[in-house]
Amino acid sequence: RLIENIRLLEKRTMIKCTIIIIKNEEQLFSIINDINILFLDIEL
């Protein structure tokens, strides 16, 4: 659902978004300096 909404946002803003699915903390912190926006669930 988040991906669908982000794709709609792309069309509204004309901004290309590269979507990255985070699987664990290690992956997240390996690329954190390259992330502009992070959608974060509280309960993981």
PDB file of all heavy atoms in Angstrom:
ATOM      1  N   ARG A   1       0.834  -1.203   0.000  1.00  0.00           N
ATOM      2  CA  ARG A   1       0.000   0.000   0.000  1.00  0.00           C
ATOM      3  C   ARG A   1       0.873   1.259   0.000  1.00  0.00           C
ATOM      4  O   ARG A   1       0.567   2.244  -0.681  1.00  0.00           O
ATOM      5  CB  ARG A   1      -0.929  -0.001   1.212  1.00  0.00           C
ATOM      6  CG  ARG A   1      -1.966   1.126   1.196  1.00  0.00           C
ATOM      7  CD  ARG A   1      -2.965   0.966   2.318  1.00  0.00           C
ATOM      8  NE  ARG A   1      -3.956   2.034   2.307  1.00  0.00           N
ATOM      9  CZ  ARG A   1      -5.057   2.022   1.567  1.00  0.00           C
ATOM     10  NH1 ARG A   1      -5.294   0.985   0.762  1.00  0.00           N
ATOM     11  NH2 ARG A   1      -5.914   3.015   1.611  1.00  0.00           N
ATOM     12  N   LEU A   2       1.961   1.224   0.745  1.00  0.00           N
ATOM     13  CA  LEU A   2       2.894   2.344   0.767  1.00  0.00           C
ATOM     14  C   LEU A   2       3.501   2.572  -0.615  1.00  0.00           C
ATOM     15  O   LEU A   2       3.597   3.711  -1.086  1.00  0.00           O
ATOM     16  CB  LEU A   2       4.006   2.090   1.784  1.00  0.00           C
ATOM     17  CG  LEU A   2       3.873   2.715   3.160  1.00  0.00           C
ATOM     18  CD1 LEU A   2       4.983   2.237   4.070  1.00  0.00           C
ATOM     19  CD2 LEU A   2       3.872   4.233   3.077  1.00  0.00           C
ATOM     20  N   ILE A   3       3.899   1.488  -1.263  1.00  0.00           N
ATOM     21  CA  ILE A   3       4.494   1.594  -2.601  1.00  0.00           C
ATOM     22  C   ILE A   3       3.499   2.207  -3.586  1.00  0.00           C
ATOM     23  O   ILE A   3       3.849   3.080  -4.383  1.00  0.00           O
ATOM     24  CB  ILE A   3       4.972   0.208  -3.096  1.00  0.00           C
ATOM     25  CG1 ILE A   3       6.152  -0.270  -2.242  1.00  0.00           C
ATOM     26  CG2 ILE A   3       5.381   0.271  -4.568  1.00  0.00           C
ATOM     27  CD1 ILE A   3       6.561  -1.707  -2.500  1.00  0.00           C
ATOM     28  N   GLU A   4       2.245   1.770  -3.517  1.00  0.00           N
ATOM     29  CA  GLU A   4       1.200   2.327  -4.393  1.00  0.00           C
ATOM     30  C   GLU A   4       1.044   3.828  -4.169  1.00  0.00           C
ATOM     31  O   GLU A   4       0.943   4.610  -5.129  1.00  0.00           O
ATOM     32  CB  GLU A   4      -0.133   1.622  -4.128  1.00  0.00           C
ATOM     33  CG  GLU A   4      -0.187   0.180  -4.615  1.00  0.00           C
ATOM     34  CD  GLU A   4      -1.463  -0.528  -4.176  1.00  0.00           C
ATOM     35  OE1 GLU A   4      -2.338   0.139  -3.565  1.00  0.00           O
ATOM     36  OE2 GLU A   4      -1.587  -1.741  -4.425  1.00  0.00           O
ATOM     37  N   ASN A   5       1.034   4.247  -2.915  1.00  0.00           N
ATOM     38  CA  ASN A   5       0.878   5.668  -2.602  1.00  0.00           C
ATOM     39  C   ASN A   5       2.090   6.481  -3.043  1.00  0.00           C
ATOM     40  O   ASN A   5       1.951   7.621  -3.507  1.00  0.00           O
ATOM     41  CB  ASN A   5       0.646   5.848  -1.096  1.00  0.00           C
ATOM     42  CG  ASN A   5      -0.779   5.509  -0.685  1.00  0.00           C
ATOM     43  OD1 ASN A   5      -1.723   5.847  -1.381  1.00  0.00           O
ATOM     44  ND2 ASN A   5      -0.928   4.840   0.435  1.00  0.00           N
ATOM     45  N   ILE A   6       3.277   5.915  -2.910  1.00  0.00           N
ATOM     46  CA  ILE A   6       4.491   6.615  -3.348  1.00  0.00           C
ATOM     47  C   ILE A   6       4.484   6.796  -4.862  1.00  0.00           C
ATOM     48  O   ILE A   6       4.874   7.850  -5.373  1.00  0.00           O
ATOM     49  CB  ILE A   6       5.756   5.845  -2.893  1.00  0.00           C
ATOM     50  CG1 ILE A   6       5.881   5.907  -1.371  1.00  0.00           C
ATOM     51  CG2 ILE A   6       7.014   6.430  -3.542  1.00  0.00           C
ATOM     52  CD1 ILE A   6       6.903   4.938  -0.798  1.00  0.00           C
ATOM     53  N   ARG A   7       4.016   5.784  -5.585  1.00  0.00           N
ATOM     54  CA  ARG A   7       3.933   5.899  -7.051  1.00  0.00           C
ATOM     55  C   ARG A   7       2.927   6.977  -7.460  1.00  0.00           C
ATOM     56  O   ARG A   7       3.140   7.711  -8.439  1.00  0.00           O
ATOM     57  CB  ARG A   7       3.551   4.548  -7.673  1.00  0.00           C
ATOM     58  CG  ARG A   7       4.611   3.456  -7.528  1.00  0.00           C
ATOM     59  CD  ARG A   7       5.952   3.910  -8.033  1.00  0.00           C
ATOM     60  NE  ARG A   7       6.983   2.868  -7.914  1.00  0.00           N
ATOM     61  CZ  ARG A   7       8.270   3.101  -7.899  1.00  0.00           C
ATOM     62  NH1 ARG A   7       8.717   4.351  -7.957  1.00  0.00           N
ATOM     63  NH2 ARG A   7       9.140   2.117  -7.806  1.00  0.00           N
ATOM     64  N   LEU A   8       1.833   7.089  -6.712  1.00  0.00           N
ATOM     65  CA  LEU A   8       0.870   8.161  -6.978  1.00  0.00           C
ATOM     66  C   LEU A   8       1.495   9.522  -6.694  1.00  0.00           C
ATOM     67  O   LEU A   8       1.276  10.493  -7.426  1.00  0.00           O
ATOM     68  CB  LEU A   8      -0.384   7.976  -6.115  1.00  0.00           C
ATOM     69  CG  LEU A   8      -1.368   6.882  -6.539  1.00  0.00           C
ATOM     70  CD1 LEU A   8      -2.448   6.701  -5.474  1.00  0.00           C
ATOM     71  CD2 LEU A   8      -2.010   7.229  -7.880  1.00  0.00           C
ATOM     72  N   LEU A   9       2.287   9.582  -5.624  1.00  0.00           N
ATOM     73  CA  LEU A   9       2.968  10.826  -5.258  1.00  0.00           C
ATOM     74  C   LEU A   9       3.942  11.247  -6.360  1.00  0.00           C
ATOM     75  O   LEU A   9       4.062  12.438  -6.665  1.00  0.00           O
ATOM     76  CB  LEU A   9       3.719  10.632  -3.939  1.00  0.00           C
ATOM     77  CG  LEU A   9       4.419  11.862  -3.352  1.00  0.00           C
ATOM     78  CD1 LEU A   9       3.392  12.905  -2.919  1.00  0.00           C
ATOM     79  CD2 LEU A   9       5.291  11.461  -2.166  1.00  0.00           C
ATOM     80  N   GLU A  10       4.618  10.287  -6.959  1.00  0.00           N
ATOM     81  CA  GLU A  10       5.531  10.576  -8.071  1.00  0.00           C
ATOM     82  C   GLU A  10       4.806  11.294  -9.204  1.00  0.00           C
ATOM     83  O   GLU A  10       5.300  12.276  -9.763  1.00  0.00           O
ATOM     84  CB  GLU A  10       6.122   9.278  -8.624  1.00  0.00           C
ATOM     85  CG  GLU A  10       7.274   8.713  -7.845  1.00  0.00           C
ATOM     86  CD  GLU A  10       7.866   7.503  -8.545  1.00  0.00           C
ATOM     87  OE1 GLU A  10       7.112   6.569  -8.875  1.00  0.00           O
ATOM     88  OE2 GLU A  10       9.082   7.485  -8.770  1.00  0.00           O
ATOM     89  N   LYS A  11       3.619  10.808  -9.541  1.00  0.00           N
ATOM     90  CA  LYS A  11       2.841  11.406 -10.636  1.00  0.00           C
ATOM     91  C   LYS A  11       2.391  12.818 -10.288  1.00  0.00           C
ATOM     92  O   LYS A  11       2.371  13.704 -11.142  1.00  0.00           O
ATOM     93  CB  LYS A  11       1.621  10.535 -10.944  1.00  0.00           C
ATOM     94  CG  LYS A  11       1.983   9.178 -11.531  1.00  0.00           C
ATOM     95  CD  LYS A  11       0.739   8.331 -11.768  1.00  0.00           C
ATOM     96  CE  LYS A  11       1.110   6.958 -12.318  1.00  0.00           C
ATOM     97  NZ  LYS A  11      -0.092   6.091 -12.496  1.00  0.00           N
ATOM     98  N   ARG A  12       2.048  13.038  -9.013  1.00  0.00           N
ATOM     99  CA  ARG A  12       1.575  14.355  -8.577  1.00  0.00           C
ATOM    100  C   ARG A  12       2.700  15.385  -8.534  1.00  0.00           C
ATOM    101  O   ARG A  12       2.486  16.560  -8.809  1.00  0.00           O
ATOM    102  CB  ARG A  12       0.935  14.247  -7.187  1.00  0.00           C
ATOM    103  CG  ARG A  12      -0.365  13.475  -7.147  1.00  0.00           C
ATOM    104  CD  ARG A  12      -1.518  14.278  -7.737  1.00  0.00           C
ATOM    105  NE  ARG A  12      -2.769  13.550  -7.633  1.00  0.00           N
ATOM    106  CZ  ARG A  12      -3.606  13.680  -6.600  1.00  0.00           C
ATOM    107  NH1 ARG A  12      -3.318  14.497  -5.608  1.00  0.00           N
ATOM    108  NH2 ARG A  12      -4.734  12.993  -6.576  1.00  0.00           N
ATOM    109  N   THR A  13       3.889  14.939  -8.143  1.00  0.00           N
ATOM    110  CA  THR A  13       4.997  15.879  -7.934  1.00  0.00           C
ATOM    111  C   THR A  13       6.017  15.884  -9.064  1.00  0.00           C
ATOM    112  O   THR A  13       6.889  16.746  -9.105  1.00  0.00           O
ATOM    113  CB  THR A  13       5.743  15.544  -6.624  1.00  0.00           C
ATOM    114  OG1 THR A  13       6.275  14.214  -6.721  1.00  0.00           O
ATOM    115  CG2 THR A  13       4.815  15.657  -5.432  1.00  0.00           C
ATOM    116  N   MET A  14       5.906  14.895  -9.977  1.00  0.00           N
ATOM    117  CA  MET A  14       6.866  14.757 -11.089  1.00  0.00           C
ATOM    118  C   MET A  14       8.281  14.517 -10.568  1.00  0.00           C
ATOM    119  O   MET A  14       9.270  14.884 -11.208  1.00  0.00           O
ATOM    120  CB  MET A  14       6.839  16.002 -11.992  1.00  0.00           C
ATOM    121  CG  MET A  14       5.481  16.312 -12.586  1.00  0.00           C
ATOM    122  SD  MET A  14       4.843  14.985 -13.637  1.00  0.00           S
ATOM    123  CE  MET A  14       5.933  15.135 -15.058  1.00  0.00           C
ATOM    124  N   ILE A  15       8.394  13.879  -9.426  1.00  0.00           N
ATOM    125  CA  ILE A  15       9.697  13.553  -8.846  1.00  0.00           C
ATOM    126  C   ILE A  15       9.879  12.041  -8.848  1.00  0.00           C
ATOM    127  O   ILE A  15       9.031  11.303  -8.353  1.00  0.00           O
ATOM    128  CB  ILE A  15       9.809  14.088  -7.408  1.00  0.00           C
ATOM    129  CG1 ILE A  15       9.821  15.618  -7.431  1.00  0.00           C
ATOM    130  CG2 ILE A  15      11.062  13.559  -6.712  1.00  0.00           C
ATOM    131  CD1 ILE A  15       9.718  16.248  -6.072  1.00  0.00           C
ATOM    132  N   LYS A  16      10.988  11.592  -9.415  1.00  0.00           N
ATOM    133  CA  LYS A  16      11.274  10.168  -9.489  1.00  0.00           C
ATOM    134  C   LYS A  16      11.774   9.662  -8.143  1.00  0.00           C
ATOM    135  O   LYS A  16      12.707  10.221  -7.568  1.00  0.00           O
ATOM    136  CB  LYS A  16      12.327   9.907 -10.574  1.00  0.00           C
ATOM    137  CG  LYS A  16      12.794   8.456 -10.659  1.00  0.00           C
ATOM    138  CD  LYS A  16      11.672   7.529 -11.065  1.00  0.00           C
ATOM    139  CE  LYS A  16      12.181   6.099 -11.184  1.00  0.00           C
ATOM    140  NZ  LYS A  16      11.064   5.144 -11.398  1.00  0.00           N
ATOM    141  N   CYS A  17      11.138   8.594  -7.654  1.00  0.00           N
ATOM    142  CA  CYS A  17      11.539   7.999  -6.374  1.00  0.00           C
ATOM    143  C   CYS A  17      12.098   6.598  -6.588  1.00  0.00           C
ATOM    144  O   CYS A  17      11.459   5.761  -7.236  1.00  0.00           O
ATOM    145  CB  CYS A  17      10.338   7.902  -5.433  1.00  0.00           C
ATOM    146  SG  CYS A  17       9.658   9.505  -4.936  1.00  0.00           S
ATOM    147  N   THR A  18      13.275   6.366  -6.072  1.00  0.00           N
ATOM    148  CA  THR A  18      13.843   5.018  -6.051  1.00  0.00           C
ATOM    149  C   THR A  18      13.460   4.391  -4.724  1.00  0.00           C
ATOM    150  O   THR A  18      13.876   4.868  -3.659  1.00  0.00           O
ATOM    151  CB  THR A  18      15.380   5.060  -6.179  1.00  0.00           C
ATOM    152  OG1 THR A  18      15.720   5.671  -7.423  1.00  0.00           O
ATOM    153  CG2 THR A  18      15.963   3.655  -6.116  1.00  0.00           C
ATOM    154  N   ILE A  19      12.632   3.348  -4.763  1.00  0.00           N
ATOM    155  CA  ILE A  19      12.113   2.731  -3.542  1.00  0.00           C
ATOM    156  C   ILE A  19      13.003   1.565  -3.117  1.00  0.00           C
ATOM    157  O   ILE A  19      13.308   0.681  -3.917  1.00  0.00           O
ATOM    158  CB  ILE A  19      10.659   2.262  -3.741  1.00  0.00           C
ATOM    159  CG1 ILE A  19       9.753   3.450  -4.093  1.00  0.00           C
ATOM    160  CG2 ILE A  19      10.145   1.555  -2.487  1.00  0.00           C
ATOM    161  CD1 ILE A  19       8.319   3.065  -4.422  1.00  0.00           C
ATOM    162  N   ILE A  20      13.409   1.599  -1.855  1.00  0.00           N
ATOM    163  CA  ILE A  20      14.272   0.552  -1.299  1.00  0.00           C
ATOM    164  C   ILE A  20      13.532  -0.113  -0.148  1.00  0.00           C
ATOM    165  O   ILE A  20      13.100   0.561   0.793  1.00  0.00           O
ATOM    166  CB  ILE A  20      15.598   1.151  -0.782  1.00  0.00           C
ATOM    167  CG1 ILE A  20      16.288   1.969  -1.883  1.00  0.00           C
ATOM    168  CG2 ILE A  20      16.518   0.060  -0.256  1.00  0.00           C
ATOM    169  CD1 ILE A  20      17.287   2.974  -1.368  1.00  0.00           C
ATOM    170  N   ILE A  21      13.373  -1.416  -0.220  1.00  0.00           N
ATOM    171  CA  ILE A  21      12.719  -2.165   0.849  1.00  0.00           C
ATOM    172  C   ILE A  21      13.784  -2.616   1.838  1.00  0.00           C
ATOM    173  O   ILE A  21      14.721  -3.336   1.481  1.00  0.00           O
ATOM    174  CB  ILE A  21      11.952  -3.383   0.301  1.00  0.00           C
ATOM    175  CG1 ILE A  21      10.924  -2.946  -0.760  1.00  0.00           C
ATOM    176  CG2 ILE A  21      11.278  -4.148   1.442  1.00  0.00           C
ATOM    177  CD1 ILE A  21       9.870  -1.987  -0.254  1.00  0.00           C
ATOM    178  N   ILE A  22      13.648  -2.171   3.088  1.00  0.00           N
ATOM    179  CA  ILE A  22      14.612  -2.508   4.124  1.00  0.00           C
ATOM    180  C   ILE A  22      14.182  -3.803   4.824  1.00  0.00           C
ATOM    181  O   ILE A  22      13.047  -3.923   5.283  1.00  0.00           O
ATOM    182  CB  ILE A  22      14.727  -1.375   5.167  1.00  0.00           C
ATOM    183  CG1 ILE A  22      15.120  -0.054   4.481  1.00  0.00           C
ATOM    184  CG2 ILE A  22      15.727  -1.744   6.255  1.00  0.00           C
ATOM    185  CD1 ILE A  22      16.467  -0.054   3.812  1.00  0.00           C
ATOM    186  N   LYS A  23      15.117  -4.744   4.917  1.00  0.00           N
ATOM    187  CA  LYS A  23      14.806  -6.036   5.534  1.00  0.00           C
ATOM    188  C   LYS A  23      15.318  -6.148   6.971  1.00  0.00           C
ATOM    189  O   LYS A  23      14.773  -6.911   7.765  1.00  0.00           O
ATOM    190  CB  LYS A  23      15.393  -7.175   4.685  1.00  0.00           C
ATOM    191  CG  LYS A  23      14.848  -7.219   3.257  1.00  0.00           C
ATOM    192  CD  LYS A  23      15.357  -8.445   2.543  1.00  0.00           C
ATOM    193  CE  LYS A  23      14.990  -8.455   1.059  1.00  0.00           C
ATOM    194  NZ  LYS A  23      13.590  -8.208   0.781  1.00  0.00           N
ATOM    195  N   ASN A  24      16.373  -5.382   7.303  1.00  0.00           N
ATOM    196  CA  ASN A  24      16.928  -5.468   8.643  1.00  0.00           C
ATOM    197  C   ASN A  24      17.745  -4.214   8.965  1.00  0.00           C
ATOM    198  O   ASN A  24      18.003  -3.391   8.082  1.00  0.00           O
ATOM    199  CB  ASN A  24      17.785  -6.725   8.815  1.00  0.00           C
ATOM    200  CG  ASN A  24      18.830  -6.865   7.719  1.00  0.00           C
ATOM    201  OD1 ASN A  24      19.634  -5.947   7.498  1.00  0.00           O
ATOM    202  ND2 ASN A  24      18.811  -7.990   7.008  1.00  0.00           N
ATOM    203  N   GLU A  25      18.147  -4.089  10.236  1.00  0.00           N
ATOM    204  CA  GLU A  25      18.912  -2.922  10.682  1.00  0.00           C
ATOM    205  C   GLU A  25      20.247  -2.799   9.957  1.00  0.00           C
ATOM    206  O   GLU A  25      20.673  -1.696   9.600  1.00  0.00           O
ATOM    207  CB  GLU A  25      19.180  -3.007  12.193  1.00  0.00           C
ATOM    208  CG  GLU A  25      18.016  -2.627  13.059  1.00  0.00           C
ATOM    209  CD  GLU A  25      18.417  -2.557  14.515  1.00  0.00           C
ATOM    210  OE1 GLU A  25      19.076  -1.573  14.911  1.00  0.00           O
ATOM    211  OE2 GLU A  25      18.078  -3.503  15.256  1.00  0.00           O
ATOM    212  N   GLU A  26      20.904  -3.918   9.761  1.00  0.00           N
ATOM    213  CA  GLU A  26      22.223  -3.902   9.109  1.00  0.00           C
ATOM    214  C   GLU A  26      22.139  -3.274   7.716  1.00  0.00           C
ATOM    215  O   GLU A  26      22.960  -2.435   7.343  1.00  0.00           O
ATOM    216  CB  GLU A  26      22.784  -5.325   9.022  1.00  0.00           C
ATOM    217  CG  GLU A  26      24.199  -5.377   8.473  1.00  0.00           C
ATOM    218  CD  GLU A  26      24.727  -6.804   8.396  1.00  0.00           C
ATOM    219  OE1 GLU A  26      24.017  -7.747   8.822  1.00  0.00           O
ATOM    220  OE2 GLU A  26      25.852  -6.968   7.910  1.00  0.00           O
ATOM    221  N   GLN A  27      21.129  -3.677   6.964  1.00  0.00           N
ATOM    222  CA  GLN A  27      20.939  -3.112   5.619  1.00  0.00           C
ATOM    223  C   GLN A  27      20.638  -1.620   5.704  1.00  0.00           C
ATOM    224  O   GLN A  27      21.186  -0.816   4.938  1.00  0.00           O
ATOM    225  CB  GLN A  27      19.797  -3.830   4.901  1.00  0.00           C
ATOM    226  CG  GLN A  27      19.515  -3.261   3.500  1.00  0.00           C
ATOM    227  CD  GLN A  27      18.163  -3.689   2.951  1.00  0.00           C
ATOM    228  OE1 GLN A  27      17.404  -4.392   3.631  1.00  0.00           O
ATOM    229  NE2 GLN A  27      17.863  -3.274   1.738  1.00  0.00           N
ATOM    230  N   LEU A  28      19.777  -1.251   6.658  1.00  0.00           N
ATOM    231  CA  LEU A  28      19.386   0.146   6.810  1.00  0.00           C
ATOM    232  C   LEU A  28      20.594   1.040   7.066  1.00  0.00           C
ATOM    233  O   LEU A  28      20.785   2.057   6.388  1.00  0.00           O
ATOM    234  CB  LEU A  28      18.375   0.293   7.954  1.00  0.00           C
ATOM    235  CG  LEU A  28      17.971   1.724   8.335  1.00  0.00           C
ATOM    236  CD1 LEU A  28      17.265   2.417   7.172  1.00  0.00           C
ATOM    237  CD2 LEU A  28      17.084   1.721   9.568  1.00  0.00           C
ATOM    238  N   PHE A  29      21.424   0.662   8.033  1.00  0.00           N
ATOM    239  CA  PHE A  29      22.546   1.527   8.403  1.00  0.00           C
ATOM    240  C   PHE A  29      23.689   1.488   7.392  1.00  0.00           C
ATOM    241  O   PHE A  29      24.541   2.368   7.400  1.00  0.00           O
ATOM    242  CB  PHE A  29      23.037   1.178   9.809  1.00  0.00           C
ATOM    243  CG  PHE A  29      22.096   1.652  10.879  1.00  0.00           C
ATOM    244  CD1 PHE A  29      21.316   0.751  11.595  1.00  0.00           C
ATOM    245  CD2 PHE A  29      21.959   3.012  11.144  1.00  0.00           C
ATOM    246  CE1 PHE A  29      20.434   1.191  12.562  1.00  0.00           C
ATOM    247  CE2 PHE A  29      21.075   3.465  12.111  1.00  0.00           C
ATOM    248  CZ  PHE A  29      20.313   2.552  12.823  1.00  0.00           C
ATOM    249  N   SER A  30      23.678   0.501   6.516  1.00  0.00           N
ATOM    250  CA  SER A  30      24.703   0.466   5.462  1.00  0.00           C
ATOM    251  C   SER A  30      24.431   1.500   4.374  1.00  0.00           C
ATOM    252  O   SER A  30      25.334   1.889   3.639  1.00  0.00           O
ATOM    253  CB  SER A  30      24.783  -0.934   4.840  1.00  0.00           C
ATOM    254  OG  SER A  30      23.622  -1.216   4.067  1.00  0.00           O
ATOM    255  N   ILE A  31      23.163   1.972   4.277  1.00  0.00           N
ATOM    256  CA  ILE A  31      22.813   2.937   3.223  1.00  0.00           C
ATOM    257  C   ILE A  31      22.144   4.192   3.774  1.00  0.00           C
ATOM    258  O   ILE A  31      21.673   5.031   3.005  1.00  0.00           O
ATOM    259  CB  ILE A  31      21.864   2.287   2.174  1.00  0.00           C
ATOM    260  CG1 ILE A  31      20.561   1.804   2.844  1.00  0.00           C
ATOM    261  CG2 ILE A  31      22.554   1.153   1.439  1.00  0.00           C
ATOM    262  CD1 ILE A  31      19.493   1.369   1.863  1.00  0.00           C
ATOM    263  N   ILE A  32      22.139   4.352   5.107  1.00  0.00           N
ATOM    264  CA  ILE A  32      21.353   5.426   5.719  1.00  0.00           C
ATOM    265  C   ILE A  32      21.731   6.819   5.207  1.00  0.00           C
ATOM    266  O   ILE A  32      20.874   7.696   5.071  1.00  0.00           O
ATOM    267  CB  ILE A  32      21.460   5.377   7.273  1.00  0.00           C
ATOM    268  CG1 ILE A  32      20.450   6.341   7.910  1.00  0.00           C
ATOM    269  CG2 ILE A  32      22.868   5.672   7.735  1.00  0.00           C
ATOM    270  CD1 ILE A  32      19.013   6.068   7.581  1.00  0.00           C
ATOM    271  N   ASN A  33      22.989   7.045   4.891  1.00  0.00           N
ATOM    272  CA  ASN A  33      23.412   8.373   4.424  1.00  0.00           C
ATOM    273  C   ASN A  33      22.912   8.696   3.025  1.00  0.00           C
ATOM    274  O   ASN A  33      22.981   9.847   2.601  1.00  0.00           O
ATOM    275  CB  ASN A  33      24.933   8.502   4.490  1.00  0.00           C
ATOM    276  CG  ASN A  33      25.431   8.658   5.910  1.00  0.00           C
ATOM    277  OD1 ASN A  33      24.884   9.429   6.689  1.00  0.00           O
ATOM    278  ND2 ASN A  33      26.459   7.899   6.273  1.00  0.00           N
ATOM    279  N   ASP A  34      22.414   7.691   2.320  1.00  0.00           N
ATOM    280  CA  ASP A  34      21.895   7.900   0.963  1.00  0.00           C
ATOM    281  C   ASP A  34      20.372   7.984   0.926  1.00  0.00           C
ATOM    282  O   ASP A  34      19.785   8.172  -0.135  1.00  0.00           O
ATOM    283  CB  ASP A  34      22.356   6.760   0.039  1.00  0.00           C
ATOM    284  CG  ASP A  34      23.861   6.716  -0.115  1.00  0.00           C
ATOM    285  OD1 ASP A  34      24.469   7.801  -0.207  1.00  0.00           O
ATOM    286  OD2 ASP A  34      24.426   5.613  -0.125  1.00  0.00           O
ATOM    287  N   ILE A  35      19.735   7.842   2.085  1.00  0.00           N
ATOM    288  CA  ILE A  35      18.267   7.837   2.131  1.00  0.00           C
ATOM    289  C   ILE A  35      17.740   9.248   2.389  1.00  0.00           C
ATOM    290  O   ILE A  35      18.168   9.921   3.318  1.00  0.00           O
ATOM    291  CB  ILE A  35      17.755   6.877   3.219  1.00  0.00           C
ATOM    292  CG1 ILE A  35      18.129   5.443   2.878  1.00  0.00           C
ATOM    293  CG2 ILE A  35      16.237   6.989   3.375  1.00  0.00           C
ATOM    294  CD1 ILE A  35      17.765   4.441   3.953  1.00  0.00           C
ATOM    295  N   ASN A  36      16.805   9.682   1.557  1.00  0.00           N
ATOM    296  CA  ASN A  36      16.182  10.998   1.726  1.00  0.00           C
ATOM    297  C   ASN A  36      14.935  10.922   2.600  1.00  0.00           C
ATOM    298  O   ASN A  36      14.707  11.779   3.451  1.00  0.00           O
ATOM    299  CB  ASN A  36      15.808  11.589   0.367  1.00  0.00           C
ATOM    300  CG  ASN A  36      16.978  11.645  -0.577  1.00  0.00           C
ATOM    301  OD1 ASN A  36      16.940  11.106  -1.671  1.00  0.00           O
ATOM    302  ND2 ASN A  36      18.060  12.289  -0.167  1.00  0.00           N
ATOM    303  N   ILE A  37      14.114   9.880   2.376  1.00  0.00           N
ATOM    304  CA  ILE A  37      12.883   9.693   3.149  1.00  0.00           C
ATOM    305  C   ILE A  37      12.803   8.235   3.596  1.00  0.00           C
ATOM    306  O   ILE A  37      13.034   7.325   2.798  1.00  0.00           O
ATOM    307  CB  ILE A  37      11.633  10.049   2.317  1.00  0.00           C
ATOM    308  CG1 ILE A  37      11.612  11.549   1.986  1.00  0.00           C
ATOM    309  CG2 ILE A  37      10.359   9.675   3.066  1.00  0.00           C
ATOM    310  CD1 ILE A  37      10.453  11.961   1.093  1.00  0.00           C
ATOM    311  N   LEU A  38      12.478   8.038   4.879  1.00  0.00           N
ATOM    312  CA  LEU A  38      12.331   6.679   5.403  1.00  0.00           C
ATOM    313  C   LEU A  38      10.946   6.518   6.027  1.00  0.00           C
ATOM    314  O   LEU A  38      10.584   7.257   6.941  1.00  0.00           O
ATOM    315  CB  LEU A  38      13.397   6.394   6.463  1.00  0.00           C
ATOM    316  CG  LEU A  38      13.210   5.086   7.259  1.00  0.00           C
ATOM    317  CD1 LEU A  38      13.358   3.869   6.355  1.00  0.00           C
ATOM    318  CD2 LEU A  38      14.186   5.020   8.431  1.00  0.00           C
ATOM    319  N   PHE A  39      10.187   5.547   5.520  1.00  0.00           N
ATOM    320  CA  PHE A  39       8.911   5.188   6.136  1.00  0.00           C
ATOM    321  C   PHE A  39       9.211   4.078   7.138  1.00  0.00           C
ATOM    322  O   PHE A  39       9.675   2.999   6.766  1.00  0.00           O
ATOM    323  CB  PHE A  39       7.911   4.707   5.083  1.00  0.00           C
ATOM    324  CG  PHE A  39       7.402   5.813   4.202  1.00  0.00           C
ATOM    325  CD1 PHE A  39       8.013   6.082   2.984  1.00  0.00           C
ATOM    326  CD2 PHE A  39       6.323   6.598   4.591  1.00  0.00           C
ATOM    327  CE1 PHE A  39       7.555   7.114   2.167  1.00  0.00           C
ATOM    328  CE2 PHE A  39       5.867   7.626   3.796  1.00  0.00           C
ATOM    329  CZ  PHE A  39       6.483   7.884   2.577  1.00  0.00           C
ATOM    330  N   LEU A  40       8.954   4.365   8.421  1.00  0.00           N
ATOM    331  CA  LEU A  40       9.372   3.470   9.496  1.00  0.00           C
ATOM    332  C   LEU A  40       8.191   3.021  10.344  1.00  0.00           C
ATOM    333  O   LEU A  40       7.489   3.844  10.933  1.00  0.00           O
ATOM    334  CB  LEU A  40      10.399   4.207  10.373  1.00  0.00           C
ATOM    335  CG  LEU A  40      10.932   3.478  11.610  1.00  0.00           C
ATOM    336  CD1 LEU A  40      11.747   2.247  11.199  1.00  0.00           C
ATOM    337  CD2 LEU A  40      11.780   4.428  12.450  1.00  0.00           C
ATOM    338  N   ASP A  41       7.986   1.706  10.399  1.00  0.00           N
ATOM    339  CA  ASP A  41       6.966   1.156  11.294  1.00  0.00           C
ATOM    340  C   ASP A  41       7.536   1.153  12.709  1.00  0.00           C
ATOM    341  O   ASP A  41       8.738   0.969  12.904  1.00  0.00           O
ATOM    342  CB  ASP A  41       6.599  -0.266  10.858  1.00  0.00           C
ATOM    343  CG  ASP A  41       5.349  -0.784  11.556  1.00  0.00           C
ATOM    344  OD1 ASP A  41       4.778  -0.041  12.379  1.00  0.00           O
ATOM    345  OD2 ASP A  41       4.943  -1.924  11.279  1.00  0.00           O
ATOM    346  N   ILE A  42       6.688   1.366  13.697  1.00  0.00           N
ATOM    347  CA  ILE A  42       7.145   1.387  15.083  1.00  0.00           C
ATOM    348  C   ILE A  42       7.383  -0.025  15.607  1.00  0.00           C
ATOM    349  O   ILE A  42       8.360  -0.302  16.281  1.00  0.00           O
ATOM    350  CB  ILE A  42       6.124   2.100  15.995  1.00  0.00           C
ATOM    351  CG1 ILE A  42       6.016   3.581  15.604  1.00  0.00           C
ATOM    352  CG2 ILE A  42       6.508   1.979  17.454  1.00  0.00           C
ATOM    353  CD1 ILE A  42       7.268   4.379  15.831  1.00  0.00           C
ATOM    354  N   GLU A  43       6.466  -0.942  15.265  1.00  0.00           N
ATOM    355  CA  GLU A  43       6.568  -2.314  15.752  1.00  0.00           C
ATOM    356  C   GLU A  43       7.153  -3.206  14.663  1.00  0.00           C
ATOM    357  O   GLU A  43       6.495  -3.549  13.678  1.00  0.00           O
ATOM    358  CB  GLU A  43       5.198  -2.812  16.191  1.00  0.00           C
ATOM    359  CG  GLU A  43       4.646  -2.024  17.382  1.00  0.00           C
ATOM    360  CD  GLU A  43       3.341  -2.583  17.893  1.00  0.00           C
ATOM    361  OE1 GLU A  43       2.567  -3.103  17.071  1.00  0.00           O
ATOM    362  OE2 GLU A  43       3.088  -2.490  19.107  1.00  0.00           O
ATOM    363  N   LEU A  44       8.422  -3.583  14.863  1.00  0.00           N
ATOM    364  CA  LEU A  44       9.144  -4.384  13.870  1.00  0.00           C
ATOM    365  C   LEU A  44       9.681  -5.660  14.513  1.00  0.00           C
ATOM    366  O   LEU A  44      10.867  -5.984  14.391  1.00  0.00           O
ATOM    367  CB  LEU A  44      10.294  -3.566  13.273  1.00  0.00           C
ATOM    368  CG  LEU A  44       9.898  -2.350  12.433  1.00  0.00           C
ATOM    369  CD1 LEU A  44      11.080  -1.407  12.267  1.00  0.00           C
ATOM    370  CD2 LEU A  44       9.375  -2.785  11.067  1.00  0.00           C
TER     371      LEU A  44
END
